[in-house]
Amino acid sequence: RNGVKFKKFYGMSSETAMNKHIGGIANYRASEGKTVEIPYRGPVEKTIQDILGGLRSTCTYVGAKRLKELTKRTTFIRVEEQHNEVFSE
């Protein structure tokens, strides 16, 4: 689209995945989730470097010298509900 590449993103319970991997949705099942197209950001290496940089920064903030120390120096909170703008329609 106008020279911009997109990548299709879908979960394994989506209609797209069921059609692609098992030949359709069985009568006793319902598809879950949705299929979206997100702008292609290039090779995964850049994304991995961004994630690693975030982890290094986090370890610095909490005083963890190793990744194993991260859970001992932090409290993780499970988020049950969130709104992710990336996948909005």
PDB file of N, CA and C in Angstrom:
ATOM      1  N   ARG A   1       0.837  -1.189   0.000  1.00  0.00           N
ATOM      2  CA  ARG A   1       0.000   0.000   0.000  1.00  0.00           C
ATOM      3  C   ARG A   1       0.874   1.241   0.000  1.00  0.00           C
ATOM      4  N   ASN A   2       0.901   1.885  -1.075  1.00  0.00           N
ATOM      5  CA  ASN A   2       1.723   3.087  -1.237  1.00  0.00           C
ATOM      6  C   ASN A   2       3.175   2.832  -0.862  1.00  0.00           C
ATOM      7  N   GLY A   3       3.686   1.656  -1.184  1.00  0.00           N
ATOM      8  CA  GLY A   3       5.083   1.335  -0.916  1.00  0.00           C
ATOM      9  C   GLY A   3       5.376   0.905   0.506  1.00  0.00           C
ATOM     10  N   VAL A   4       4.371   0.860   1.377  1.00  0.00           N
ATOM     11  CA  VAL A   4       4.572   0.457   2.771  1.00  0.00           C
ATOM     12  C   VAL A   4       4.227  -1.024   2.904  1.00  0.00           C
ATOM     13  N   LYS A   5       5.132  -1.793   3.516  1.00  0.00           N
ATOM     14  CA  LYS A   5       4.888  -3.218   3.731  1.00  0.00           C
ATOM     15  C   LYS A   5       4.127  -3.418   5.037  1.00  0.00           C
ATOM     16  N   PHE A   6       3.262  -4.433   5.044  1.00  0.00           N
ATOM     17  CA  PHE A   6       2.515  -4.772   6.243  1.00  0.00           C
ATOM     18  C   PHE A   6       2.722  -6.243   6.565  1.00  0.00           C
ATOM     19  N   LYS A   7       2.585  -6.574   7.831  1.00  0.00           N
ATOM     20  CA  LYS A   7       2.698  -7.957   8.296  1.00  0.00           C
ATOM     21  C   LYS A   7       1.383  -8.345   8.949  1.00  0.00           C
ATOM     22  N   LYS A   8       0.836  -9.484   8.538  1.00  0.00           N
ATOM     23  CA  LYS A   8      -0.409  -9.970   9.126  1.00  0.00           C
ATOM     24  C   LYS A   8      -0.097 -10.560  10.501  1.00  0.00           C
ATOM     25  N   PHE A   9      -0.891 -10.217  11.497  1.00  0.00           N
ATOM     26  CA  PHE A   9      -0.685 -10.661  12.870  1.00  0.00           C
ATOM     27  C   PHE A   9      -1.982 -11.272  13.366  1.00  0.00           C
ATOM     28  N   TYR A  10      -1.907 -12.505  13.863  1.00  0.00           N
ATOM     29  CA  TYR A  10      -3.114 -13.178  14.345  1.00  0.00           C
ATOM     30  C   TYR A  10      -2.745 -14.221  15.391  1.00  0.00           C
ATOM     31  N   GLY A  11      -3.694 -14.513  16.263  1.00  0.00           N
ATOM     32  CA  GLY A  11      -3.506 -15.542  17.275  1.00  0.00           C
ATOM     33  C   GLY A  11      -3.904 -16.902  16.734  1.00  0.00           C
ATOM     34  N   MET A  12      -3.478 -17.950  17.409  1.00  0.00           N
ATOM     35  CA  MET A  12      -3.717 -19.303  16.922  1.00  0.00           C
ATOM     36  C   MET A  12      -5.169 -19.758  17.060  1.00  0.00           C
ATOM     37  N   SER A  13      -6.004 -19.004  17.770  1.00  0.00           N
ATOM     38  CA  SER A  13      -7.432 -19.342  17.844  1.00  0.00           C
ATOM     39  C   SER A  13      -8.262 -18.483  16.899  1.00  0.00           C
ATOM     40  N   SER A  14      -7.600 -17.675  16.095  1.00  0.00           N
ATOM     41  CA  SER A  14      -8.320 -16.802  15.166  1.00  0.00           C
ATOM     42  C   SER A  14      -8.809 -17.592  13.955  1.00  0.00           C
ATOM     43  N   GLU A  15      -9.761 -17.030  13.259  1.00  0.00           N
ATOM     44  CA  GLU A  15     -10.279 -17.659  12.040  1.00  0.00           C
ATOM     45  C   GLU A  15      -9.162 -17.829  11.007  1.00  0.00           C
ATOM     46  N   THR A  16      -8.286 -16.837  10.902  1.00  0.00           N
ATOM     47  CA  THR A  16      -7.163 -16.906   9.956  1.00  0.00           C
ATOM     48  C   THR A  16      -6.287 -18.123  10.231  1.00  0.00           C
ATOM     49  N   ALA A  17      -5.920 -18.332  11.500  1.00  0.00           N
ATOM     50  CA  ALA A  17      -5.052 -19.461  11.858  1.00  0.00           C
ATOM     51  C   ALA A  17      -5.739 -20.791  11.612  1.00  0.00           C
ATOM     52  N   MET A  18      -7.017 -20.868  11.985  1.00  0.00           N
ATOM     53  CA  MET A  18      -7.736 -22.135  11.789  1.00  0.00           C
ATOM     54  C   MET A  18      -7.861 -22.479  10.308  1.00  0.00           C
ATOM     55  N   ASN A  19      -8.127 -21.486   9.486  1.00  0.00           N
ATOM     56  CA  ASN A  19      -8.209 -21.736   8.044  1.00  0.00           C
ATOM     57  C   ASN A  19      -6.858 -22.158   7.479  1.00  0.00           C
ATOM     58  N   LYS A  20      -5.796 -21.528   7.953  1.00  0.00           N
ATOM     59  CA  LYS A  20      -4.459 -21.800   7.422  1.00  0.00           C
ATOM     60  C   LYS A  20      -3.906 -23.149   7.883  1.00  0.00           C
ATOM     61  N   HIS A  21      -4.109 -23.488   9.155  1.00  0.00           N
ATOM     62  CA  HIS A  21      -3.432 -24.655   9.727  1.00  0.00           C
ATOM     63  C   HIS A  21      -4.287 -25.914   9.829  1.00  0.00           C
ATOM     64  N   ILE A  22      -5.600 -25.761   9.959  1.00  0.00           N
ATOM     65  CA  ILE A  22      -6.424 -26.972  10.101  1.00  0.00           C
ATOM     66  C   ILE A  22      -7.568 -27.017   9.098  1.00  0.00           C
ATOM     67  N   GLY A  23      -7.519 -26.156   8.103  1.00  0.00           N
ATOM     68  CA  GLY A  23      -8.491 -26.222   7.025  1.00  0.00           C
ATOM     69  C   GLY A  23      -9.863 -25.658   7.327  1.00  0.00           C
ATOM     70  N   GLY A  24      -9.976 -24.836   8.336  1.00  0.00           N
ATOM     71  CA  GLY A  24     -11.258 -24.204   8.645  1.00  0.00           C
ATOM     72  C   GLY A  24     -11.639 -24.368  10.098  1.00  0.00           C
ATOM     73  N   ILE A  25     -12.777 -23.811  10.440  1.00  0.00           N
ATOM     74  CA  ILE A  25     -13.268 -23.859  11.815  1.00  0.00           C
ATOM     75  C   ILE A  25     -14.222 -25.043  11.941  1.00  0.00           C
ATOM     76  N   ALA A  26     -13.929 -25.940  12.871  1.00  0.00           N
ATOM     77  CA  ALA A  26     -14.797 -27.098  13.092  1.00  0.00           C
ATOM     78  C   ALA A  26     -16.155 -26.630  13.611  1.00  0.00           C
ATOM     79  N   ASN A  27     -17.197 -27.423  13.360  1.00  0.00           N
ATOM     80  CA  ASN A  27     -18.558 -27.057  13.761  1.00  0.00           C
ATOM     81  C   ASN A  27     -18.697 -26.812  15.259  1.00  0.00           C
ATOM     82  N   TYR A  28     -17.907 -27.503  16.059  1.00  0.00           N
ATOM     83  CA  TYR A  28     -18.019 -27.390  17.512  1.00  0.00           C
ATOM     84  C   TYR A  28     -17.152 -26.268  18.094  1.00  0.00           C
ATOM     85  N   ARG A  29     -16.456 -25.529  17.246  1.00  0.00           N
ATOM     86  CA  ARG A  29     -15.554 -24.477  17.729  1.00  0.00           C
ATOM     87  C   ARG A  29     -16.002 -23.119  17.235  1.00  0.00           C
ATOM     88  N   ALA A  30     -15.508 -22.115  17.930  1.00  0.00           N
ATOM     89  CA  ALA A  30     -15.708 -20.732  17.500  1.00  0.00           C
ATOM     90  C   ALA A  30     -14.338 -20.074  17.436  1.00  0.00           C
ATOM     91  N   SER A  31     -14.143 -19.219  16.470  1.00  0.00           N
ATOM     92  CA  SER A  31     -12.859 -18.521  16.399  1.00  0.00           C
ATOM     93  C   SER A  31     -12.821 -17.452  17.482  1.00  0.00           C
ATOM     94  N   GLU A  32     -11.621 -17.171  17.945  1.00  0.00           N
ATOM     95  CA  GLU A  32     -11.421 -16.142  18.963  1.00  0.00           C
ATOM     96  C   GLU A  32     -10.362 -15.176  18.458  1.00  0.00           C
ATOM     97  N   GLY A  33     -10.452 -13.958  18.880  1.00  0.00           N
ATOM     98  CA  GLY A  33      -9.455 -12.973  18.489  1.00  0.00           C
ATOM     99  C   GLY A  33      -9.718 -12.421  17.112  1.00  0.00           C
ATOM    100  N   LYS A  34      -8.773 -11.608  16.662  1.00  0.00           N
ATOM    101  CA  LYS A  34      -8.934 -11.000  15.352  1.00  0.00           C
ATOM    102  C   LYS A  34      -7.609 -11.002  14.611  1.00  0.00           C
ATOM    103  N   THR A  35      -7.679 -10.715  13.353  1.00  0.00           N
ATOM    104  CA  THR A  35      -6.502 -10.628  12.500  1.00  0.00           C
ATOM    105  C   THR A  35      -6.301  -9.167  12.134  1.00  0.00           C
ATOM    106  N   VAL A  36      -5.085  -8.682  12.329  1.00  0.00           N
ATOM    107  CA  VAL A  36      -4.781  -7.290  11.995  1.00  0.00           C
ATOM    108  C   VAL A  36      -3.524  -7.250  11.141  1.00  0.00           C
ATOM    109  N   GLU A  37      -3.351  -6.173  10.425  1.00  0.00           N
ATOM    110  CA  GLU A  37      -2.119  -5.949   9.675  1.00  0.00           C
ATOM    111  C   GLU A  37      -1.403  -4.770  10.306  1.00  0.00           C
ATOM    112  N   ILE A  38      -0.133  -4.991  10.651  1.00  0.00           N
ATOM    113  CA  ILE A  38       0.657  -3.933  11.267  1.00  0.00           C
ATOM    114  C   ILE A  38       1.792  -3.566  10.317  1.00  0.00           C
ATOM    115  N   PRO A  39       2.229  -2.313  10.351  1.00  0.00           N
ATOM    116  CA  PRO A  39       3.324  -1.908   9.466  1.00  0.00           C
ATOM    117  C   PRO A  39       4.584  -2.734   9.740  1.00  0.00           C
ATOM    118  N   TYR A  40       5.205  -3.215   8.702  1.00  0.00           N
ATOM    119  CA  TYR A  40       6.434  -4.001   8.809  1.00  0.00           C
ATOM    120  C   TYR A  40       7.554  -3.105   9.313  1.00  0.00           C
ATOM    121  N   ARG A  41       8.251  -3.566  10.372  1.00  0.00           N
ATOM    122  CA  ARG A  41       9.304  -2.750  10.973  1.00  0.00           C
ATOM    123  C   ARG A  41      10.707  -3.250  10.658  1.00  0.00           C
ATOM    124  N   GLY A  42      10.831  -4.186   9.760  1.00  0.00           N
ATOM    125  CA  GLY A  42      12.153  -4.673   9.399  1.00  0.00           C
ATOM    126  C   GLY A  42      12.506  -5.954  10.134  1.00  0.00           C
ATOM    127  N   PRO A  43      13.772  -6.355  10.036  1.00  0.00           N
ATOM    128  CA  PRO A  43      14.223  -7.601  10.658  1.00  0.00           C
ATOM    129  C   PRO A  43      13.991  -7.609  12.172  1.00  0.00           C
ATOM    130  N   VAL A  44      13.825  -8.796  12.724  1.00  0.00           N
ATOM    131  CA  VAL A  44      13.517  -8.953  14.143  1.00  0.00           C
ATOM    132  C   VAL A  44      14.695  -8.538  15.039  1.00  0.00           C
ATOM    133  N   GLU A  45      15.910  -8.519  14.497  1.00  0.00           N
ATOM    134  CA  GLU A  45      17.084  -8.177  15.312  1.00  0.00           C
ATOM    135  C   GLU A  45      16.935  -6.818  15.993  1.00  0.00           C
ATOM    136  N   LYS A  46      16.393  -5.842  15.294  1.00  0.00           N
ATOM    137  CA  LYS A  46      16.211  -4.502  15.872  1.00  0.00           C
ATOM    138  C   LYS A  46      15.241  -4.555  17.051  1.00  0.00           C
ATOM    139  N   THR A  47      14.163  -5.302  16.903  1.00  0.00           N
ATOM    140  CA  THR A  47      13.189  -5.433  17.983  1.00  0.00           C
ATOM    141  C   THR A  47      13.812  -6.131  19.183  1.00  0.00           C
ATOM    142  N   ILE A  48      14.600  -7.173  18.936  1.00  0.00           N
ATOM    143  CA  ILE A  48      15.267  -7.882  20.031  1.00  0.00           C
ATOM    144  C   ILE A  48      16.222  -6.947  20.759  1.00  0.00           C
ATOM    145  N   GLN A  49      16.974  -6.139  20.018  1.00  0.00           N
ATOM    146  CA  GLN A  49      17.881  -5.178  20.649  1.00  0.00           C
ATOM    147  C   GLN A  49      17.107  -4.169  21.502  1.00  0.00           C
ATOM    148  N   ASP A  50      15.944  -3.740  21.033  1.00  0.00           N
ATOM    149  CA  ASP A  50      15.107  -2.820  21.811  1.00  0.00           C
ATOM    150  C   ASP A  50      14.648  -3.472  23.114  1.00  0.00           C
ATOM    151  N   ILE A  51      14.228  -4.734  23.045  1.00  0.00           N
ATOM    152  CA  ILE A  51      13.775  -5.451  24.242  1.00  0.00           C
ATOM    153  C   ILE A  51      14.927  -5.630  25.223  1.00  0.00           C
ATOM    154  N   LEU A  52      16.094  -6.046  24.715  1.00  0.00           N
ATOM    155  CA  LEU A  52      17.258  -6.224  25.583  1.00  0.00           C
ATOM    156  C   LEU A  52      17.676  -4.909  26.230  1.00  0.00           C
ATOM    157  N   GLY A  53      17.605  -3.827  25.469  1.00  0.00           N
ATOM    158  CA  GLY A  53      17.925  -2.517  26.034  1.00  0.00           C
ATOM    159  C   GLY A  53      16.974  -2.148  27.157  1.00  0.00           C
ATOM    160  N   GLY A  54      15.690  -2.448  26.976  1.00  0.00           N
ATOM    161  CA  GLY A  54      14.702  -2.190  28.024  1.00  0.00           C
ATOM    162  C   GLY A  54      14.971  -3.017  29.270  1.00  0.00           C
ATOM    163  N   LEU A  55      15.356  -4.278  29.083  1.00  0.00           N
ATOM    164  CA  LEU A  55      15.687  -5.134  30.228  1.00  0.00           C
ATOM    165  C   LEU A  55      16.923  -4.626  30.962  1.00  0.00           C
ATOM    166  N   ARG A  56      17.943  -4.218  30.212  1.00  0.00           N
ATOM    167  CA  ARG A  56      19.148  -3.675  30.849  1.00  0.00           C
ATOM    168  C   ARG A  56      18.814  -2.427  31.663  1.00  0.00           C
ATOM    169  N   SER A  57      17.995  -1.573  31.088  1.00  0.00           N
ATOM    170  CA  SER A  57      17.592  -0.353  31.778  1.00  0.00           C
ATOM    171  C   SER A  57      16.819  -0.684  33.052  1.00  0.00           C
ATOM    172  N   THR A  58      15.902  -1.628  32.962  1.00  0.00           N
ATOM    173  CA  THR A  58      15.115  -2.037  34.122  1.00  0.00           C
ATOM    174  C   THR A  58      16.015  -2.578  35.220  1.00  0.00           C
ATOM    175  N   CYS A  59      16.966  -3.430  34.851  1.00  0.00           N
ATOM    176  CA  CYS A  59      17.895  -3.979  35.841  1.00  0.00           C
ATOM    177  C   CYS A  59      18.685  -2.866  36.520  1.00  0.00           C
ATOM    178  N   THR A  60      19.062  -1.854  35.774  1.00  0.00           N
ATOM    179  CA  THR A  60      19.783  -0.719  36.346  1.00  0.00           C
ATOM    180  C   THR A  60      18.921   0.011  37.365  1.00  0.00           C
ATOM    181  N   TYR A  61      17.650   0.257  37.021  1.00  0.00           N
ATOM    182  CA  TYR A  61      16.746   0.972  37.931  1.00  0.00           C
ATOM    183  C   TYR A  61      16.547   0.245  39.250  1.00  0.00           C
ATOM    184  N   VAL A  62      16.472  -1.090  39.218  1.00  0.00           N
ATOM    185  CA  VAL A  62      16.182  -1.840  40.446  1.00  0.00           C
ATOM    186  C   VAL A  62      17.441  -2.395  41.108  1.00  0.00           C
ATOM    187  N   GLY A  63      18.602  -2.159  40.524  1.00  0.00           N
ATOM    188  CA  GLY A  63      19.858  -2.595  41.120  1.00  0.00           C
ATOM    189  C   GLY A  63      20.160  -4.072  40.925  1.00  0.00           C
ATOM    190  N   ALA A  64      19.643  -4.668  39.880  1.00  0.00           N
ATOM    191  CA  ALA A  64      19.903  -6.086  39.597  1.00  0.00           C
ATOM    192  C   ALA A  64      21.106  -6.198  38.667  1.00  0.00           C
ATOM    193  N   LYS A  65      22.097  -6.983  39.078  1.00  0.00           N
ATOM    194  CA  LYS A  65      23.276  -7.166  38.240  1.00  0.00           C
ATOM    195  C   LYS A  65      23.073  -8.270  37.211  1.00  0.00           C
ATOM    196  N   ARG A  66      22.144  -9.156  37.494  1.00  0.00           N
ATOM    197  CA  ARG A  66      21.831 -10.260  36.582  1.00  0.00           C
ATOM    198  C   ARG A  66      20.322 -10.354  36.417  1.00  0.00           C
ATOM    199  N   LEU A  67      19.909 -10.947  35.319  1.00  0.00           N
ATOM    200  CA  LEU A  67      18.484 -11.101  35.047  1.00  0.00           C
ATOM    201  C   LEU A  67      17.793 -11.919  36.138  1.00  0.00           C
ATOM    202  N   LYS A  68      18.489 -12.909  36.694  1.00  0.00           N
ATOM    203  CA  LYS A  68      17.916 -13.734  37.766  1.00  0.00           C
ATOM    204  C   LYS A  68      17.545 -12.896  38.987  1.00  0.00           C
ATOM    205  N   GLU A  69      18.257 -11.808  39.222  1.00  0.00           N
ATOM    206  CA  GLU A  69      17.986 -10.950  40.377  1.00  0.00           C
ATOM    207  C   GLU A  69      16.746 -10.085  40.180  1.00  0.00           C
ATOM    208  N   LEU A  70      16.309  -9.938  38.960  1.00  0.00           N
ATOM    209  CA  LEU A  70      15.196  -9.037  38.659  1.00  0.00           C
ATOM    210  C   LEU A  70      13.943  -9.395  39.453  1.00  0.00           C
ATOM    211  N   THR A  71      13.604 -10.687  39.523  1.00  0.00           N
ATOM    212  CA  THR A  71      12.388 -11.081  40.243  1.00  0.00           C
ATOM    213  C   THR A  71      12.522 -10.905  41.748  1.00  0.00           C
ATOM    214  N   LYS A  72      13.733 -10.919  42.263  1.00  0.00           N
ATOM    215  CA  LYS A  72      13.939 -10.737  43.704  1.00  0.00           C
ATOM    216  C   LYS A  72      13.873  -9.267  44.107  1.00  0.00           C
ATOM    217  N   ARG A  73      14.084  -8.390  43.155  1.00  0.00           N
ATOM    218  CA  ARG A  73      14.137  -6.961  43.457  1.00  0.00           C
ATOM    219  C   ARG A  73      12.904  -6.191  42.990  1.00  0.00           C
ATOM    220  N   THR A  74      11.935  -6.899  42.462  1.00  0.00           N
ATOM    221  CA  THR A  74      10.739  -6.237  41.941  1.00  0.00           C
ATOM    222  C   THR A  74       9.482  -6.973  42.375  1.00  0.00           C
ATOM    223  N   THR A  75       8.361  -6.311  42.226  1.00  0.00           N
ATOM    224  CA  THR A  75       7.060  -6.935  42.424  1.00  0.00           C
ATOM    225  C   THR A  75       6.330  -6.840  41.096  1.00  0.00           C
ATOM    226  N   PHE A  76       5.974  -7.979  40.561  1.00  0.00           N
ATOM    227  CA  PHE A  76       5.250  -8.001  39.298  1.00  0.00           C
ATOM    228  C   PHE A  76       3.758  -8.030  39.576  1.00  0.00           C
ATOM    229  N   ILE A  77       3.018  -7.261  38.813  1.00  0.00           N
ATOM    230  CA  ILE A  77       1.571  -7.185  38.969  1.00  0.00           C
ATOM    231  C   ILE A  77       0.935  -7.673  37.681  1.00  0.00           C
ATOM    232  N   ARG A  78       0.051  -8.647  37.809  1.00  0.00           N
ATOM    233  CA  ARG A  78      -0.648  -9.171  36.628  1.00  0.00           C
ATOM    234  C   ARG A  78      -1.749  -8.199  36.223  1.00  0.00           C
ATOM    235  N   VAL A  79      -1.761  -7.861  34.956  1.00  0.00           N
ATOM    236  CA  VAL A  79      -2.791  -6.972  34.422  1.00  0.00           C
ATOM    237  C   VAL A  79      -3.807  -7.846  33.702  1.00  0.00           C
ATOM    238  N   GLU A  80      -5.042  -7.792  34.154  1.00  0.00           N
ATOM    239  CA  GLU A  80      -6.086  -8.635  33.572  1.00  0.00           C
ATOM    240  C   GLU A  80      -6.701  -8.017  32.326  1.00  0.00           C
ATOM    241  N   GLU A  81      -6.702  -6.701  32.261  1.00  0.00           N
ATOM    242  CA  GLU A  81      -7.390  -6.051  31.159  1.00  0.00           C
ATOM    243  C   GLU A  81      -6.567  -4.852  30.712  1.00  0.00           C
ATOM    244  N   GLN A  82      -6.359  -4.738  29.442  1.00  0.00           N
ATOM    245  CA  GLN A  82      -5.661  -3.570  28.928  1.00  0.00           C
ATOM    246  C   GLN A  82      -6.171  -3.272  27.531  1.00  0.00           C
ATOM    247  N   HIS A  83      -6.018  -2.057  27.146  1.00  0.00           N
ATOM    248  CA  HIS A  83      -6.435  -1.644  25.806  1.00  0.00           C
ATOM    249  C   HIS A  83      -5.178  -1.334  25.020  1.00  0.00           C
ATOM    250  N   ASN A  84      -4.935  -2.084  23.981  1.00  0.00           N
ATOM    251  CA  ASN A  84      -3.736  -1.918  23.176  1.00  0.00           C
ATOM    252  C   ASN A  84      -4.115  -1.192  21.884  1.00  0.00           C
ATOM    253  N   GLU A  85      -3.643   0.018  21.740  1.00  0.00           N
ATOM    254  CA  GLU A  85      -3.980   0.842  20.575  1.00  0.00           C
ATOM    255  C   GLU A  85      -3.448   0.273  19.260  1.00  0.00           C
ATOM    256  N   VAL A  86      -2.402  -0.560  19.321  1.00  0.00           N
ATOM    257  CA  VAL A  86      -1.813  -1.110  18.102  1.00  0.00           C
ATOM    258  C   VAL A  86      -2.836  -1.944  17.333  1.00  0.00           C
ATOM    259  N   PHE A  87      -3.718  -2.617  18.060  1.00  0.00           N
ATOM    260  CA  PHE A  87      -4.653  -3.530  17.418  1.00  0.00           C
ATOM    261  C   PHE A  87      -6.073  -2.984  17.363  1.00  0.00           C
ATOM    262  N   SER A  88      -6.240  -1.698  17.535  1.00  0.00           N
ATOM    263  CA  SER A  88      -7.572  -1.091  17.468  1.00  0.00           C
ATOM    264  C   SER A  88      -8.035  -1.026  16.024  1.00  0.00           C
ATOM    265  N   GLU A  89      -9.326  -1.044  15.862  1.00  0.00           N
ATOM    266  CA  GLU A  89      -9.875  -0.929  14.503  1.00  0.00           C
ATOM    267  C   GLU A  89     -10.504   0.427  14.326  1.00  0.00           C
TER     268      GLU A  89
END
